[in-house]
Amino acid sequence: MPLIQLQAVDYSVGGPLLLEDVDLTIEPGERVCVVGRNGEGKSTLLRLLAREIAADDGEVRVQGGARIARLAQEVPQETVGSVFDVVAAGLGELGALLAEYHHLIGEHSTAAGALAALSAVQTKIEARHGWDLDRRVQQVLTRLDLPDAADFAALSGGMKRRVLLAQALVSEPDLLLLDEPTNHLDVEAIAWLEEFLRGI
């Protein structure tokens, strides 16, 4: 069964159709490259696949339970926090709890209020069996050689892209969408990314 299927999809941005009568099927394990000139709808197609926008017409079918993650073309300006915070955000609400736990541990406070807050966060994580996901975040950080405590805003453009790739990977997506993944990367970082993608 296909991971995702587009059937006769149309999409416009307030004018002529940007995408018209598009059919596309992506099978598990398949690698697809979308090539085209600027403004031809490549990013729009990826946003449709990621279910960030809805088609004007046609149908987008996603295999039940399939996880989709997308690395956007540009680094979102509102992204703040430590590298761990940004990567853990790929896990949604539970990721936010894990980030809060790491902040509380890092404060080394023995005040009663801080200990109570730490205990409350631990209880929530345990109730959701979240420690396995904490290990997953640590594994992805190690695999991509990322400094977990570093301030995201202070990183180079290439390192920010690497952190956002980690954020996409931590959810262990069935479909990983990379929109111009070499933006802001130098030659060495591009070579690293190519090698990394060959191994996943």
N, C-alpha and C. Protein backbone atom coordinates (compact mmCIF):
# COMPACT_ATOMS: atom_id res chain seq x y z
N MET A 1 0.84 -1.19 0.00
CA MET A 1 0.00 0.00 0.00
C MET A 1 0.88 1.25 0.00
N PRO A 2 0.57 2.23 -0.85
CA PRO A 2 1.39 3.45 -0.90
C PRO A 2 1.38 4.20 0.42
N LEU A 3 2.50 4.87 0.73
CA LEU A 3 2.54 5.74 1.90
C LEU A 3 1.62 6.93 1.69
N ILE A 4 1.67 7.48 0.49
CA ILE A 4 0.86 8.65 0.18
C ILE A 4 0.53 8.64 -1.31
N GLN A 5 -0.66 9.14 -1.62
CA GLN A 5 -1.11 9.14 -3.01
C GLN A 5 -1.90 10.42 -3.29
N LEU A 6 -1.51 11.11 -4.35
CA LEU A 6 -2.24 12.28 -4.83
C LEU A 6 -2.97 11.88 -6.09
N GLN A 7 -4.27 12.22 -6.16
CA GLN A 7 -5.05 11.89 -7.34
C GLN A 7 -5.75 13.13 -7.86
N ALA A 8 -5.40 13.52 -9.08
CA ALA A 8 -6.02 14.66 -9.78
C ALA A 8 -6.06 15.91 -8.90
N VAL A 9 -4.94 16.23 -8.26
CA VAL A 9 -4.88 17.35 -7.32
C VAL A 9 -4.65 18.67 -8.05
N ASP A 10 -5.47 19.67 -7.69
CA ASP A 10 -5.30 21.04 -8.17
C ASP A 10 -5.02 21.93 -6.96
N TYR A 11 -4.18 22.96 -7.17
CA TYR A 11 -3.93 23.94 -6.11
C TYR A 11 -3.57 25.27 -6.74
N SER A 12 -4.19 26.33 -6.22
CA SER A 12 -3.87 27.68 -6.72
C SER A 12 -3.64 28.60 -5.54
N VAL A 13 -2.95 29.71 -5.81
CA VAL A 13 -2.70 30.72 -4.80
C VAL A 13 -3.36 32.01 -5.30
N GLY A 14 -4.68 31.99 -5.37
CA GLY A 14 -5.43 33.18 -5.75
C GLY A 14 -5.30 33.59 -7.21
N GLY A 15 -4.88 32.70 -8.06
CA GLY A 15 -4.72 33.03 -9.48
C GLY A 15 -4.79 31.75 -10.29
N PRO A 16 -4.01 31.69 -11.40
CA PRO A 16 -3.98 30.46 -12.19
C PRO A 16 -3.50 29.28 -11.33
N LEU A 17 -3.87 28.09 -11.73
CA LEU A 17 -3.47 26.90 -10.97
C LEU A 17 -1.96 26.77 -10.94
N LEU A 18 -1.42 26.58 -9.74
CA LEU A 18 0.01 26.33 -9.57
C LEU A 18 0.29 24.86 -9.82
N LEU A 19 -0.59 24.01 -9.32
CA LEU A 19 -0.54 22.57 -9.56
C LEU A 19 -1.86 22.17 -10.20
N GLU A 20 -1.80 21.42 -11.29
CA GLU A 20 -3.03 21.05 -12.01
C GLU A 20 -3.03 19.57 -12.34
N ASP A 21 -4.09 18.90 -11.87
CA ASP A 21 -4.34 17.49 -12.19
C ASP A 21 -3.12 16.62 -11.86
N VAL A 22 -2.54 16.83 -10.67
CA VAL A 22 -1.32 16.11 -10.27
C VAL A 22 -1.66 14.73 -9.72
N ASP A 23 -1.00 13.72 -10.25
CA ASP A 23 -1.07 12.35 -9.74
C ASP A 23 0.33 11.98 -9.26
N LEU A 24 0.41 11.45 -8.05
CA LEU A 24 1.71 11.05 -7.50
C LEU A 24 1.49 9.96 -6.47
N THR A 25 2.32 8.94 -6.54
CA THR A 25 2.27 7.85 -5.56
C THR A 25 3.67 7.64 -5.02
N ILE A 26 3.79 7.59 -3.68
CA ILE A 26 5.08 7.32 -3.05
C ILE A 26 4.93 6.05 -2.22
N GLU A 27 5.76 5.07 -2.53
CA GLU A 27 5.74 3.78 -1.85
C GLU A 27 6.73 3.78 -0.69
N PRO A 28 6.53 2.91 0.30
CA PRO A 28 7.52 2.79 1.39
C PRO A 28 8.90 2.47 0.85
N GLY A 29 9.93 3.15 1.36
CA GLY A 29 11.31 2.91 0.94
C GLY A 29 11.71 3.61 -0.34
N GLU A 30 10.76 4.25 -1.01
CA GLU A 30 11.06 4.93 -2.28
C GLU A 30 11.70 6.29 -2.02
N ARG A 31 12.62 6.69 -2.90
CA ARG A 31 13.24 8.02 -2.85
C ARG A 31 12.83 8.77 -4.11
N VAL A 32 12.35 9.99 -3.91
CA VAL A 32 11.84 10.79 -5.02
C VAL A 32 12.51 12.15 -4.99
N CYS A 33 12.88 12.65 -6.16
CA CYS A 33 13.45 13.99 -6.26
C CYS A 33 12.53 14.83 -7.14
N VAL A 34 12.16 16.00 -6.64
CA VAL A 34 11.30 16.92 -7.39
C VAL A 34 12.19 18.03 -7.95
N VAL A 35 12.20 18.16 -9.28
CA VAL A 35 13.06 19.14 -9.95
C VAL A 35 12.20 20.10 -10.76
N GLY A 36 12.52 21.39 -10.67
CA GLY A 36 11.78 22.37 -11.46
C GLY A 36 12.34 23.76 -11.20
N ARG A 37 11.92 24.71 -12.03
CA ARG A 37 12.36 26.09 -11.88
C ARG A 37 11.71 26.73 -10.66
N ASN A 38 12.27 27.83 -10.21
CA ASN A 38 11.69 28.59 -9.10
C ASN A 38 10.26 29.01 -9.44
N GLY A 39 9.37 28.89 -8.46
CA GLY A 39 8.00 29.32 -8.65
C GLY A 39 7.10 28.34 -9.36
N GLU A 40 7.61 27.14 -9.66
CA GLU A 40 6.82 26.15 -10.38
C GLU A 40 5.96 25.27 -9.47
N GLY A 41 6.11 25.42 -8.13
CA GLY A 41 5.23 24.68 -7.22
C GLY A 41 5.87 23.53 -6.47
N LYS A 42 7.20 23.45 -6.46
CA LYS A 42 7.87 22.34 -5.76
C LYS A 42 7.57 22.37 -4.25
N SER A 43 7.78 23.53 -3.64
CA SER A 43 7.53 23.66 -2.19
C SER A 43 6.05 23.46 -1.87
N THR A 44 5.19 23.95 -2.74
CA THR A 44 3.75 23.77 -2.55
C THR A 44 3.39 22.29 -2.57
N LEU A 45 3.98 21.56 -3.49
CA LEU A 45 3.74 20.11 -3.57
C LEU A 45 4.18 19.43 -2.27
N LEU A 46 5.34 19.81 -1.75
CA LEU A 46 5.82 19.22 -0.50
C LEU A 46 4.90 19.58 0.66
N ARG A 47 4.40 20.80 0.68
CA ARG A 47 3.47 21.21 1.75
C ARG A 47 2.15 20.44 1.66
N LEU A 48 1.70 20.12 0.44
CA LEU A 48 0.52 19.28 0.27
C LEU A 48 0.78 17.87 0.81
N LEU A 49 1.96 17.33 0.49
CA LEU A 49 2.32 16.00 0.98
C LEU A 49 2.41 15.97 2.50
N ALA A 50 2.88 17.07 3.09
CA ALA A 50 3.02 17.15 4.55
C ALA A 50 1.69 17.48 5.23
N ARG A 51 0.65 17.71 4.44
CA ARG A 51 -0.69 18.05 4.93
C ARG A 51 -0.70 19.38 5.68
N GLU A 52 0.18 20.27 5.27
CA GLU A 52 0.21 21.62 5.84
C GLU A 52 -0.82 22.52 5.16
N ILE A 53 -1.16 22.19 3.93
CA ILE A 53 -2.20 22.90 3.18
C ILE A 53 -3.10 21.84 2.54
N ALA A 54 -4.30 22.26 2.16
CA ALA A 54 -5.25 21.34 1.54
C ALA A 54 -5.38 21.65 0.05
N ALA A 55 -5.60 20.62 -0.73
CA ALA A 55 -5.78 20.78 -2.17
C ALA A 55 -7.10 21.48 -2.45
N ASP A 56 -7.15 22.25 -3.55
CA ASP A 56 -8.40 22.87 -4.00
C ASP A 56 -9.35 21.82 -4.55
N ASP A 57 -8.76 20.84 -5.20
CA ASP A 57 -9.56 19.77 -5.81
C ASP A 57 -8.70 18.52 -5.86
N GLY A 58 -9.34 17.38 -6.03
CA GLY A 58 -8.62 16.12 -6.05
C GLY A 58 -8.53 15.53 -4.65
N GLU A 59 -7.70 14.51 -4.52
CA GLU A 59 -7.63 13.77 -3.26
C GLU A 59 -6.19 13.48 -2.86
N VAL A 60 -5.91 13.64 -1.56
CA VAL A 60 -4.61 13.28 -0.99
C VAL A 60 -4.87 12.16 0.01
N ARG A 61 -4.38 10.98 -0.27
CA ARG A 61 -4.57 9.83 0.61
C ARG A 61 -3.26 9.50 1.31
N VAL A 62 -3.32 9.37 2.63
CA VAL A 62 -2.14 9.02 3.42
C VAL A 62 -2.44 7.72 4.15
N GLN A 63 -1.49 6.78 4.07
CA GLN A 63 -1.64 5.50 4.77
C GLN A 63 -1.89 5.76 6.25
N GLY A 64 -2.85 5.05 6.82
CA GLY A 64 -3.21 5.24 8.22
C GLY A 64 -2.01 5.12 9.15
N GLY A 65 -1.82 6.10 10.01
CA GLY A 65 -0.73 6.08 10.98
C GLY A 65 0.62 6.51 10.44
N ALA A 66 0.69 6.84 9.16
CA ALA A 66 1.99 7.25 8.58
C ALA A 66 2.42 8.59 9.16
N ARG A 67 3.69 8.65 9.57
CA ARG A 67 4.26 9.89 10.10
C ARG A 67 5.04 10.59 8.98
N ILE A 68 4.77 11.89 8.82
CA ILE A 68 5.42 12.68 7.78
C ILE A 68 6.12 13.86 8.45
N ALA A 69 7.38 14.08 8.10
CA ALA A 69 8.13 15.22 8.63
C ALA A 69 8.72 15.98 7.44
N ARG A 70 8.79 17.31 7.59
CA ARG A 70 9.30 18.14 6.49
C ARG A 70 10.36 19.10 6.99
N LEU A 71 11.48 19.14 6.29
CA LEU A 71 12.51 20.14 6.52
C LEU A 71 12.24 21.28 5.55
N ALA A 72 11.80 22.42 6.08
CA ALA A 72 11.42 23.55 5.24
C ALA A 72 12.64 24.17 4.57
N GLN A 73 12.37 24.97 3.53
CA GLN A 73 13.43 25.62 2.76
C GLN A 73 14.21 26.63 3.60
N GLU A 74 13.50 27.39 4.41
CA GLU A 74 14.13 28.44 5.21
C GLU A 74 14.03 28.10 6.70
N VAL A 75 15.00 28.59 7.47
CA VAL A 75 14.99 28.40 8.92
C VAL A 75 13.90 29.30 9.50
N PRO A 76 12.92 28.74 10.22
CA PRO A 76 11.86 29.59 10.80
C PRO A 76 12.45 30.61 11.77
N GLN A 77 12.08 31.87 11.60
CA GLN A 77 12.63 32.95 12.42
C GLN A 77 12.26 32.83 13.88
N GLU A 78 11.13 32.20 14.17
CA GLU A 78 10.66 32.12 15.56
C GLU A 78 11.30 30.98 16.34
N THR A 79 12.20 30.22 15.73
CA THR A 79 12.81 29.08 16.40
C THR A 79 13.83 29.57 17.44
N VAL A 80 13.57 29.24 18.71
CA VAL A 80 14.44 29.67 19.80
C VAL A 80 14.66 28.52 20.77
N GLY A 81 15.66 28.70 21.65
CA GLY A 81 15.95 27.70 22.67
C GLY A 81 17.27 27.01 22.40
N SER A 82 17.52 26.00 23.21
CA SER A 82 18.74 25.22 23.03
C SER A 82 18.55 24.25 21.87
N VAL A 83 19.64 23.65 21.43
CA VAL A 83 19.56 22.64 20.37
C VAL A 83 18.65 21.50 20.83
N PHE A 84 18.78 21.08 22.09
CA PHE A 84 17.91 20.01 22.60
C PHE A 84 16.45 20.43 22.49
N ASP A 85 16.13 21.67 22.89
CA ASP A 85 14.74 22.15 22.83
C ASP A 85 14.18 22.05 21.42
N VAL A 86 14.97 22.50 20.45
CA VAL A 86 14.50 22.55 19.06
C VAL A 86 14.30 21.13 18.52
N VAL A 87 15.23 20.24 18.81
CA VAL A 87 15.10 18.85 18.33
C VAL A 87 13.92 18.17 19.01
N ALA A 88 13.79 18.33 20.32
CA ALA A 88 12.69 17.70 21.06
C ALA A 88 11.33 18.20 20.60
N ALA A 89 11.28 19.43 20.06
CA ALA A 89 10.02 19.99 19.57
C ALA A 89 9.42 19.12 18.47
N GLY A 90 10.24 18.31 17.81
CA GLY A 90 9.75 17.39 16.80
C GLY A 90 8.86 16.30 17.38
N LEU A 91 8.81 16.19 18.71
CA LEU A 91 7.99 15.19 19.38
C LEU A 91 6.71 15.79 19.97
N GLY A 92 6.46 17.06 19.66
CA GLY A 92 5.22 17.69 20.11
C GLY A 92 5.20 17.96 21.61
N GLU A 93 4.05 17.71 22.23
CA GLU A 93 3.85 18.03 23.64
C GLU A 93 4.81 17.28 24.55
N LEU A 94 5.05 16.01 24.24
CA LEU A 94 5.98 15.24 25.05
C LEU A 94 7.40 15.77 24.91
N GLY A 95 7.76 16.24 23.74
CA GLY A 95 9.07 16.86 23.54
C GLY A 95 9.23 18.11 24.39
N ALA A 96 8.16 18.89 24.52
CA ALA A 96 8.20 20.09 25.36
C ALA A 96 8.43 19.71 26.82
N LEU A 97 7.81 18.61 27.28
CA LEU A 97 8.04 18.13 28.65
C LEU A 97 9.48 17.69 28.85
N LEU A 98 10.04 17.01 27.87
CA LEU A 98 11.43 16.57 27.97
C LEU A 98 12.37 17.78 28.02
N ALA A 99 12.09 18.80 27.22
CA ALA A 99 12.91 20.02 27.24
C ALA A 99 12.81 20.70 28.60
N GLU A 100 11.60 20.76 29.15
CA GLU A 100 11.41 21.38 30.47
C GLU A 100 12.18 20.61 31.54
N TYR A 101 12.15 19.28 31.45
CA TYR A 101 12.88 18.44 32.40
C TYR A 101 14.38 18.76 32.34
N HIS A 102 14.92 18.85 31.12
CA HIS A 102 16.36 19.12 30.96
C HIS A 102 16.73 20.51 31.48
N HIS A 103 15.84 21.48 31.31
CA HIS A 103 16.09 22.82 31.85
C HIS A 103 16.12 22.79 33.38
N LEU A 104 15.16 22.07 33.97
CA LEU A 104 15.10 22.01 35.43
C LEU A 104 16.32 21.29 36.01
N ILE A 105 16.76 20.23 35.35
CA ILE A 105 17.95 19.50 35.79
C ILE A 105 19.18 20.41 35.67
N GLY A 106 19.24 21.18 34.59
CA GLY A 106 20.38 22.05 34.34
C GLY A 106 20.49 23.20 35.33
N GLU A 107 19.38 23.56 35.96
CA GLU A 107 19.41 24.67 36.92
C GLU A 107 20.04 24.28 38.25
N HIS A 108 20.14 22.98 38.54
CA HIS A 108 20.77 22.47 39.77
C HIS A 108 20.21 23.13 41.03
N SER A 109 18.93 23.47 41.01
CA SER A 109 18.34 24.14 42.16
C SER A 109 17.81 23.11 43.15
N THR A 110 18.05 23.38 44.43
CA THR A 110 17.52 22.49 45.48
C THR A 110 16.34 23.14 46.19
N ALA A 111 15.87 24.28 45.70
CA ALA A 111 14.71 24.94 46.31
C ALA A 111 13.50 24.03 46.21
N ALA A 112 12.66 24.10 47.22
CA ALA A 112 11.49 23.22 47.27
C ALA A 112 10.62 23.36 46.04
N GLY A 113 10.44 24.60 45.56
CA GLY A 113 9.61 24.83 44.38
C GLY A 113 10.18 24.17 43.14
N ALA A 114 11.51 24.27 42.98
CA ALA A 114 12.17 23.67 41.81
C ALA A 114 12.08 22.15 41.86
N LEU A 115 12.26 21.58 43.06
CA LEU A 115 12.18 20.12 43.19
C LEU A 115 10.76 19.63 42.92
N ALA A 116 9.77 20.40 43.36
CA ALA A 116 8.38 20.03 43.12
C ALA A 116 8.07 20.08 41.62
N ALA A 117 8.57 21.11 40.95
CA ALA A 117 8.36 21.24 39.50
C ALA A 117 9.01 20.08 38.75
N LEU A 118 10.24 19.73 39.16
CA LEU A 118 10.94 18.61 38.55
C LEU A 118 10.18 17.31 38.74
N SER A 119 9.67 17.09 39.95
CA SER A 119 8.91 15.88 40.24
C SER A 119 7.64 15.81 39.39
N ALA A 120 6.96 16.96 39.23
CA ALA A 120 5.73 17.00 38.44
C ALA A 120 6.00 16.66 36.97
N VAL A 121 7.10 17.22 36.43
CA VAL A 121 7.44 16.95 35.03
C VAL A 121 7.83 15.48 34.85
N GLN A 122 8.62 14.94 35.78
CA GLN A 122 9.00 13.53 35.71
C GLN A 122 7.78 12.62 35.71
N THR A 123 6.81 12.94 36.55
CA THR A 123 5.59 12.14 36.64
C THR A 123 4.85 12.15 35.30
N LYS A 124 4.75 13.32 34.67
CA LYS A 124 4.07 13.41 33.38
C LYS A 124 4.80 12.62 32.30
N ILE A 125 6.13 12.70 32.32
CA ILE A 125 6.92 11.95 31.32
C ILE A 125 6.75 10.46 31.52
N GLU A 126 6.84 10.01 32.77
CA GLU A 126 6.69 8.58 33.06
C GLU A 126 5.31 8.08 32.68
N ALA A 127 4.27 8.89 32.92
CA ALA A 127 2.90 8.48 32.59
C ALA A 127 2.73 8.25 31.09
N ARG A 128 3.56 8.95 30.30
CA ARG A 128 3.47 8.80 28.84
C ARG A 128 4.58 7.93 28.27
N HIS A 129 5.31 7.25 29.14
CA HIS A 129 6.42 6.38 28.72
C HIS A 129 7.41 7.17 27.85
N GLY A 130 7.75 8.37 28.33
CA GLY A 130 8.54 9.30 27.53
C GLY A 130 10.04 9.13 27.59
N TRP A 131 10.55 8.30 28.50
CA TRP A 131 12.01 8.21 28.62
C TRP A 131 12.63 7.56 27.39
N ASP A 132 11.90 6.69 26.70
CA ASP A 132 12.42 6.12 25.45
C ASP A 132 12.61 7.22 24.42
N LEU A 133 11.69 8.20 24.40
CA LEU A 133 11.82 9.30 23.45
C LEU A 133 12.96 10.23 23.83
N ASP A 134 13.23 10.36 25.13
CA ASP A 134 14.38 11.15 25.57
C ASP A 134 15.66 10.51 25.03
N ARG A 135 15.75 9.19 25.12
CA ARG A 135 16.91 8.48 24.57
C ARG A 135 17.00 8.67 23.06
N ARG A 136 15.84 8.69 22.39
CA ARG A 136 15.84 8.88 20.94
C ARG A 136 16.40 10.26 20.57
N VAL A 137 16.00 11.29 21.33
CA VAL A 137 16.53 12.64 21.08
C VAL A 137 18.05 12.62 21.25
N GLN A 138 18.53 12.00 22.33
CA GLN A 138 19.97 11.94 22.58
C GLN A 138 20.70 11.20 21.46
N GLN A 139 20.10 10.13 20.96
CA GLN A 139 20.72 9.35 19.88
C GLN A 139 20.82 10.18 18.59
N VAL A 140 19.75 10.92 18.27
CA VAL A 140 19.77 11.75 17.06
C VAL A 140 20.80 12.86 17.19
N LEU A 141 20.88 13.47 18.38
CA LEU A 141 21.88 14.51 18.61
C LEU A 141 23.30 13.96 18.42
N THR A 142 23.53 12.77 18.94
CA THR A 142 24.84 12.14 18.80
C THR A 142 25.13 11.81 17.34
N ARG A 143 24.13 11.24 16.67
CA ARG A 143 24.30 10.82 15.28
C ARG A 143 24.63 12.00 14.37
N LEU A 144 24.03 13.16 14.65
CA LEU A 144 24.27 14.33 13.82
C LEU A 144 25.34 15.24 14.42
N ASP A 145 25.98 14.78 15.50
CA ASP A 145 27.09 15.50 16.13
C ASP A 145 26.69 16.93 16.49
N LEU A 146 25.59 17.03 17.27
CA LEU A 146 25.05 18.33 17.65
C LEU A 146 25.24 18.59 19.14
N PRO A 147 25.62 19.82 19.50
CA PRO A 147 25.80 20.19 20.91
C PRO A 147 24.45 20.51 21.55
N ASP A 148 23.96 19.64 22.43
CA ASP A 148 22.59 19.77 22.93
C ASP A 148 22.32 21.05 23.70
N ALA A 149 23.32 21.60 24.39
CA ALA A 149 23.09 22.80 25.22
C ALA A 149 23.32 24.11 24.47
N ALA A 150 23.81 24.05 23.24
CA ALA A 150 24.11 25.27 22.49
C ALA A 150 22.83 26.05 22.18
N ASP A 151 22.95 27.37 22.12
CA ASP A 151 21.82 28.24 21.78
C ASP A 151 21.60 28.18 20.28
N PHE A 152 20.40 27.78 19.87
CA PHE A 152 20.09 27.63 18.45
C PHE A 152 20.36 28.93 17.69
N ALA A 153 19.96 30.07 18.26
CA ALA A 153 20.09 31.36 17.57
C ALA A 153 21.54 31.71 17.26
N ALA A 154 22.49 31.17 18.03
CA ALA A 154 23.90 31.51 17.85
C ALA A 154 24.60 30.63 16.82
N LEU A 155 23.92 29.63 16.29
CA LEU A 155 24.54 28.70 15.35
C LEU A 155 24.63 29.29 13.95
N SER A 156 25.54 28.74 13.15
CA SER A 156 25.65 29.13 11.73
C SER A 156 24.42 28.61 10.99
N GLY A 157 24.20 29.13 9.78
CA GLY A 157 23.07 28.68 8.97
C GLY A 157 23.10 27.19 8.71
N GLY A 158 24.31 26.66 8.42
CA GLY A 158 24.44 25.23 8.16
C GLY A 158 24.12 24.38 9.38
N MET A 159 24.58 24.81 10.55
CA MET A 159 24.30 24.06 11.78
C MET A 159 22.81 24.13 12.12
N LYS A 160 22.18 25.28 11.87
CA LYS A 160 20.73 25.38 12.11
C LYS A 160 19.98 24.38 11.26
N ARG A 161 20.39 24.25 9.99
CA ARG A 161 19.73 23.27 9.10
C ARG A 161 19.93 21.85 9.63
N ARG A 162 21.11 21.59 10.18
CA ARG A 162 21.38 20.26 10.72
C ARG A 162 20.48 19.99 11.93
N VAL A 163 20.28 21.01 12.78
CA VAL A 163 19.40 20.87 13.94
C VAL A 163 17.96 20.62 13.49
N LEU A 164 17.52 21.35 12.46
CA LEU A 164 16.15 21.16 11.96
C LEU A 164 15.98 19.80 11.29
N LEU A 165 17.05 19.28 10.69
CA LEU A 165 17.00 17.92 10.16
C LEU A 165 16.83 16.93 11.32
N ALA A 166 17.56 17.16 12.41
CA ALA A 166 17.41 16.31 13.59
C ALA A 166 15.99 16.37 14.13
N GLN A 167 15.41 17.57 14.12
CA GLN A 167 14.02 17.73 14.59
C GLN A 167 13.07 16.89 13.73
N ALA A 168 13.31 16.87 12.42
CA ALA A 168 12.47 16.07 11.52
C ALA A 168 12.69 14.57 11.74
N LEU A 169 13.94 14.18 11.99
CA LEU A 169 14.27 12.76 12.12
C LEU A 169 13.81 12.16 13.45
N VAL A 170 13.72 12.97 14.51
CA VAL A 170 13.46 12.43 15.84
C VAL A 170 12.08 11.77 15.93
N SER A 171 11.15 12.18 15.08
CA SER A 171 9.83 11.56 15.10
C SER A 171 9.81 10.22 14.35
N GLU A 172 10.97 9.83 13.79
CA GLU A 172 11.10 8.61 13.00
C GLU A 172 10.01 8.55 11.93
N PRO A 173 10.02 9.54 11.02
CA PRO A 173 8.94 9.62 10.03
C PRO A 173 9.01 8.48 9.01
N ASP A 174 7.83 8.13 8.51
CA ASP A 174 7.75 7.16 7.42
C ASP A 174 8.09 7.85 6.09
N LEU A 175 7.84 9.17 6.05
CA LEU A 175 8.14 9.96 4.86
C LEU A 175 8.85 11.24 5.31
N LEU A 176 10.09 11.43 4.85
CA LEU A 176 10.88 12.60 5.18
C LEU A 176 10.96 13.49 3.94
N LEU A 177 10.44 14.71 4.06
CA LEU A 177 10.41 15.65 2.95
C LEU A 177 11.48 16.71 3.17
N LEU A 178 12.41 16.82 2.25
CA LEU A 178 13.51 17.79 2.35
C LEU A 178 13.35 18.83 1.25
N ASP A 179 13.06 20.07 1.64
CA ASP A 179 12.84 21.14 0.67
C ASP A 179 14.13 21.94 0.53
N GLU A 180 14.82 21.76 -0.57
CA GLU A 180 16.11 22.41 -0.83
C GLU A 180 17.02 22.28 0.40
N PRO A 181 17.36 21.05 0.76
CA PRO A 181 18.09 20.82 2.01
C PRO A 181 19.50 21.39 2.05
N THR A 182 20.04 21.75 0.90
CA THR A 182 21.41 22.29 0.91
C THR A 182 21.45 23.81 1.05
N ASN A 183 20.28 24.46 1.19
CA ASN A 183 20.27 25.91 1.45
C ASN A 183 21.13 26.22 2.66
N HIS A 184 21.95 27.24 2.59
CA HIS A 184 22.81 27.72 3.68
C HIS A 184 23.93 26.75 4.05
N LEU A 185 24.16 25.70 3.26
CA LEU A 185 25.21 24.75 3.59
C LEU A 185 26.45 25.00 2.74
N ASP A 186 27.63 24.86 3.37
CA ASP A 186 28.88 24.94 2.60
C ASP A 186 29.15 23.58 1.98
N VAL A 187 30.23 23.49 1.20
CA VAL A 187 30.53 22.26 0.46
C VAL A 187 30.73 21.08 1.41
N GLU A 188 31.42 21.31 2.51
CA GLU A 188 31.67 20.24 3.47
C GLU A 188 30.35 19.74 4.09
N ALA A 189 29.46 20.66 4.42
CA ALA A 189 28.18 20.27 5.01
C ALA A 189 27.30 19.54 4.00
N ILE A 190 27.36 19.93 2.74
CA ILE A 190 26.60 19.24 1.70
C ILE A 190 27.09 17.81 1.54
N ALA A 191 28.41 17.63 1.56
CA ALA A 191 28.99 16.28 1.47
C ALA A 191 28.55 15.44 2.66
N TRP A 192 28.53 16.05 3.86
CA TRP A 192 28.08 15.34 5.05
C TRP A 192 26.61 14.91 4.91
N LEU A 193 25.76 15.83 4.42
CA LEU A 193 24.34 15.53 4.28
C LEU A 193 24.12 14.41 3.28
N GLU A 194 24.82 14.44 2.15
CA GLU A 194 24.68 13.39 1.16
C GLU A 194 25.03 12.03 1.76
N GLU A 195 26.14 11.99 2.51
CA GLU A 195 26.56 10.73 3.13
C GLU A 195 25.55 10.26 4.18
N PHE A 196 25.04 11.21 4.95
CA PHE A 196 24.06 10.88 5.98
C PHE A 196 22.79 10.29 5.37
N LEU A 197 22.29 10.93 4.30
CA LEU A 197 21.05 10.48 3.69
C LEU A 197 21.20 9.11 3.03
N ARG A 198 22.41 8.80 2.56
CA ARG A 198 22.64 7.47 1.99
C ARG A 198 22.47 6.39 3.07
N GLY A 199 22.73 6.76 4.31
CA GLY A 199 22.71 5.77 5.39
C GLY A 199 21.39 5.58 6.08
N ILE A 200 20.36 6.38 5.69
CA ILE A 200 19.07 6.22 6.39
C ILE A 200 18.06 5.50 5.51
